[in-house]
Amino acid sequence: MQYGPDPNAVYPNDAIKSVCFIKNVITRANIFVGEYTYYDDNTGAEHFESHVTHHYEF
């Protein structure tokens, strides 16, 4: 039996598209997040990476 949202889904709640699990939408290898790390943005939570402005590859 599963409790809580599916950590492999983009949206923890399909009815609320402003919240997403970050690990399922990021593509940059230098951004590390946990299983249930989420981001809330009314203009599109799936665009999290566009808000990361000072994270450089070393």
N, C-alpha and C. Protein backbone atom coordinates (compact mmCIF):
# COMPACT_ATOMS: atom_id res chain seq x y z
N MET A 1 0.85 -1.17 0.00
CA MET A 1 0.00 0.00 0.00
C MET A 1 0.90 1.24 0.00
N GLN A 2 0.57 2.18 -0.87
CA GLN A 2 1.36 3.41 -0.98
C GLN A 2 0.69 4.54 -0.21
N TYR A 3 1.51 5.26 0.55
CA TYR A 3 1.03 6.42 1.28
C TYR A 3 1.69 7.66 0.69
N GLY A 4 0.94 8.69 0.49
CA GLY A 4 1.51 9.92 -0.05
C GLY A 4 1.58 9.89 -1.56
N PRO A 5 2.07 10.98 -2.14
CA PRO A 5 2.15 11.07 -3.60
C PRO A 5 3.27 10.21 -4.17
N ASP A 6 3.14 9.86 -5.42
CA ASP A 6 4.15 9.08 -6.13
C ASP A 6 5.35 9.97 -6.42
N PRO A 7 6.54 9.67 -5.88
CA PRO A 7 7.70 10.53 -6.09
C PRO A 7 8.22 10.51 -7.52
N ASN A 8 7.72 9.60 -8.36
CA ASN A 8 8.13 9.54 -9.76
C ASN A 8 7.19 10.29 -10.69
N ALA A 9 6.13 10.84 -10.14
CA ALA A 9 5.20 11.65 -10.93
C ALA A 9 5.72 13.08 -10.98
N VAL A 10 5.43 13.79 -12.06
CA VAL A 10 5.85 15.19 -12.16
C VAL A 10 5.08 16.02 -11.15
N TYR A 11 3.77 15.81 -11.09
CA TYR A 11 2.91 16.58 -10.19
C TYR A 11 2.43 15.69 -9.05
N PRO A 12 2.67 16.10 -7.80
CA PRO A 12 2.21 15.30 -6.67
C PRO A 12 0.68 15.19 -6.63
N ASN A 13 0.02 16.20 -7.17
CA ASN A 13 -1.44 16.22 -7.24
C ASN A 13 -1.79 16.71 -8.64
N ASP A 14 -2.34 15.85 -9.48
CA ASP A 14 -2.64 16.22 -10.86
C ASP A 14 -3.59 17.40 -10.98
N ALA A 15 -4.34 17.69 -9.95
CA ALA A 15 -5.28 18.81 -9.98
C ALA A 15 -4.59 20.15 -9.71
N ILE A 16 -3.35 20.11 -9.23
CA ILE A 16 -2.62 21.34 -8.89
C ILE A 16 -1.34 21.37 -9.72
N LYS A 17 -1.39 21.97 -10.90
CA LYS A 17 -0.25 21.98 -11.82
C LYS A 17 0.80 23.02 -11.46
N SER A 18 0.57 23.83 -10.43
CA SER A 18 1.56 24.83 -10.03
C SER A 18 2.63 24.23 -9.12
N VAL A 19 2.46 22.98 -8.70
CA VAL A 19 3.41 22.31 -7.82
C VAL A 19 3.95 21.07 -8.53
N CYS A 20 5.29 20.94 -8.57
CA CYS A 20 5.88 19.75 -9.18
C CYS A 20 7.04 19.25 -8.33
N PHE A 21 7.35 17.97 -8.51
CA PHE A 21 8.54 17.40 -7.90
C PHE A 21 9.71 17.77 -8.80
N ILE A 22 10.69 18.48 -8.25
CA ILE A 22 11.78 19.03 -9.05
C ILE A 22 12.61 17.95 -9.74
N LYS A 23 12.87 16.84 -9.07
CA LYS A 23 13.75 15.82 -9.66
C LYS A 23 13.20 15.26 -10.96
N ASN A 24 11.91 15.40 -11.20
CA ASN A 24 11.30 14.86 -12.41
C ASN A 24 11.27 15.84 -13.57
N VAL A 25 11.75 17.07 -13.35
CA VAL A 25 11.74 18.06 -14.43
C VAL A 25 13.11 18.67 -14.71
N ILE A 26 14.10 18.44 -13.84
CA ILE A 26 15.42 19.03 -14.07
C ILE A 26 16.22 18.20 -15.08
N THR A 27 17.11 18.87 -15.80
CA THR A 27 17.97 18.19 -16.76
C THR A 27 19.44 18.44 -16.48
N ARG A 28 19.76 19.44 -15.68
CA ARG A 28 21.15 19.76 -15.37
C ARG A 28 21.72 18.77 -14.35
N ALA A 29 22.88 18.23 -14.66
CA ALA A 29 23.50 17.23 -13.79
C ALA A 29 24.03 17.82 -12.49
N ASN A 30 24.23 19.14 -12.44
CA ASN A 30 24.80 19.75 -11.23
C ASN A 30 23.73 20.27 -10.26
N ILE A 31 22.49 19.90 -10.47
CA ILE A 31 21.41 20.24 -9.54
C ILE A 31 20.98 18.94 -8.87
N PHE A 32 21.14 18.88 -7.57
CA PHE A 32 20.80 17.68 -6.79
C PHE A 32 19.61 17.98 -5.90
N VAL A 33 18.59 17.13 -5.94
CA VAL A 33 17.40 17.29 -5.11
C VAL A 33 16.96 15.93 -4.58
N GLY A 34 16.15 15.94 -3.55
CA GLY A 34 15.65 14.72 -2.96
C GLY A 34 14.40 14.20 -3.65
N GLU A 35 13.94 13.05 -3.20
CA GLU A 35 12.77 12.39 -3.78
C GLU A 35 11.51 13.25 -3.74
N TYR A 36 11.30 13.95 -2.63
CA TYR A 36 10.06 14.70 -2.45
C TYR A 36 10.27 16.21 -2.46
N THR A 37 11.39 16.68 -3.02
CA THR A 37 11.62 18.12 -3.10
C THR A 37 10.68 18.70 -4.14
N TYR A 38 9.92 19.70 -3.75
CA TYR A 38 8.94 20.26 -4.68
C TYR A 38 9.14 21.75 -4.87
N TYR A 39 8.52 22.27 -5.92
CA TYR A 39 8.59 23.68 -6.26
C TYR A 39 7.19 24.13 -6.64
N ASP A 40 6.81 25.30 -6.17
CA ASP A 40 5.48 25.85 -6.44
C ASP A 40 5.63 27.17 -7.18
N ASP A 41 5.03 27.26 -8.37
CA ASP A 41 5.11 28.47 -9.19
C ASP A 41 3.86 28.53 -10.06
N ASN A 42 3.08 29.56 -9.91
CA ASN A 42 1.83 29.69 -10.67
C ASN A 42 2.06 29.88 -12.16
N THR A 43 3.28 30.27 -12.56
CA THR A 43 3.56 30.47 -13.98
C THR A 43 4.19 29.24 -14.63
N GLY A 44 4.29 28.15 -13.90
CA GLY A 44 4.81 26.90 -14.45
C GLY A 44 5.93 26.32 -13.63
N ALA A 45 5.59 25.47 -12.72
CA ALA A 45 6.57 24.88 -11.81
C ALA A 45 7.61 24.04 -12.55
N GLU A 46 7.25 23.53 -13.72
CA GLU A 46 8.18 22.69 -14.47
C GLU A 46 9.35 23.49 -15.05
N HIS A 47 9.32 24.82 -14.92
CA HIS A 47 10.40 25.69 -15.41
C HIS A 47 11.36 26.08 -14.28
N PHE A 48 11.51 25.23 -13.30
CA PHE A 48 12.37 25.51 -12.14
C PHE A 48 13.78 25.91 -12.55
N GLU A 49 14.37 25.21 -13.49
CA GLU A 49 15.76 25.47 -13.87
C GLU A 49 16.00 26.89 -14.37
N SER A 50 15.01 27.50 -14.95
CA SER A 50 15.19 28.87 -15.45
C SER A 50 15.36 29.87 -14.32
N HIS A 51 15.05 29.48 -13.11
CA HIS A 51 15.20 30.36 -11.94
C HIS A 51 16.51 30.12 -11.20
N VAL A 52 17.28 29.13 -11.62
CA VAL A 52 18.59 28.87 -11.02
C VAL A 52 19.59 29.73 -11.79
N THR A 53 20.00 30.85 -11.20
CA THR A 53 20.83 31.82 -11.93
C THR A 53 22.28 31.87 -11.49
N HIS A 54 22.62 31.37 -10.34
CA HIS A 54 23.99 31.45 -9.84
C HIS A 54 24.52 30.09 -9.40
N HIS A 55 24.39 29.12 -10.25
CA HIS A 55 24.87 27.78 -9.95
C HIS A 55 25.78 27.36 -11.10
N TYR A 56 27.06 27.48 -10.90
CA TYR A 56 28.03 27.26 -11.97
C TYR A 56 28.68 25.90 -11.86
N GLU A 57 29.06 25.35 -13.01
CA GLU A 57 29.79 24.09 -13.03
C GLU A 57 31.26 24.38 -12.76
N PHE A 58 31.87 23.64 -11.86
CA PHE A 58 33.28 23.83 -11.54
C PHE A 58 34.05 22.57 -11.85
